Amino acid sequence: MMLQISTPINGETSSSFLDNQLLFVILGLIALVFVIIRVAKFLSEMDSSRASK
């Protein structure tokens, strides 16, 4: 799996550490979606300006 969060071998992990990892993964995905939408909007505007010429 690409985004698999694995626990250490000894199994002594605080739940807040895993919660923080999950939070960072979710925030990273949100940022990635935001960037993709902005790039798609920019390319769409650039394409429509070419078509109007």
Protein backbone atom coordinates (compact mmCIF):
# COMPACT_ATOMS: atom_id res chain seq x y z
CA MET A 1 0.00 0.00 0.00
CA MET A 2 1.20 3.46 -0.74
CA LEU A 3 -0.15 5.27 2.34
CA GLN A 4 0.08 2.45 4.86
CA ILE A 5 0.81 3.64 8.39
CA SER A 6 2.80 0.93 10.14
CA THR A 7 3.33 0.54 13.87
CA PRO A 8 6.75 -0.12 15.41
CA ILE A 9 7.78 -3.69 16.18
CA ASN A 10 7.58 -3.30 19.96
CA GLY A 11 3.95 -2.12 19.74
CA GLU A 12 4.37 0.70 22.24
CA THR A 13 2.78 3.55 20.35
CA SER A 14 0.68 6.33 21.75
CA SER A 15 -2.63 6.87 20.04
CA SER A 16 -1.92 10.58 19.68
CA PHE A 17 1.10 9.79 17.48
CA LEU A 18 -1.07 7.75 15.11
CA ASP A 19 -3.74 10.46 15.21
CA ASN A 20 -1.14 13.03 14.21
CA GLN A 21 0.05 10.86 11.32
CA LEU A 22 -3.52 10.44 10.11
CA LEU A 23 -4.10 14.18 10.40
CA PHE A 24 -0.99 14.91 8.30
CA VAL A 25 -2.08 12.40 5.64
CA ILE A 26 -5.55 13.95 5.44
CA LEU A 27 -4.16 17.50 5.30
CA GLY A 28 -1.71 16.46 2.60
CA LEU A 29 -4.50 14.95 0.51
CA ILE A 30 -6.60 18.10 0.93
CA ALA A 31 -3.67 20.26 -0.19
CA LEU A 32 -3.05 17.98 -3.18
CA VAL A 33 -6.68 18.18 -4.28
CA PHE A 34 -6.60 21.98 -3.91
CA VAL A 35 -3.49 22.24 -6.10
CA ILE A 36 -4.94 19.91 -8.74
CA ILE A 37 -8.15 21.97 -8.90
CA ARG A 38 -6.17 25.22 -9.25
CA VAL A 39 -4.00 23.79 -12.04
CA ALA A 40 -7.04 22.42 -13.87
CA LYS A 41 -8.78 25.79 -13.60
CA PHE A 42 -5.68 27.59 -14.91
CA LEU A 43 -5.33 25.19 -17.84
CA SER A 44 -9.02 25.53 -18.62
CA GLU A 45 -8.77 29.32 -18.70
CA MET A 46 -5.66 29.15 -20.85
CA ASP A 47 -7.39 26.78 -23.30
CA SER A 48 -10.50 28.96 -23.55
CA SER A 49 -8.39 32.08 -24.20
CA ARG A 50 -6.63 30.27 -27.06
CA ALA A 51 -9.94 29.17 -28.56
CA SER A 52 -11.29 32.72 -28.55
CA LYS A 53 -8.36 34.07 -30.64
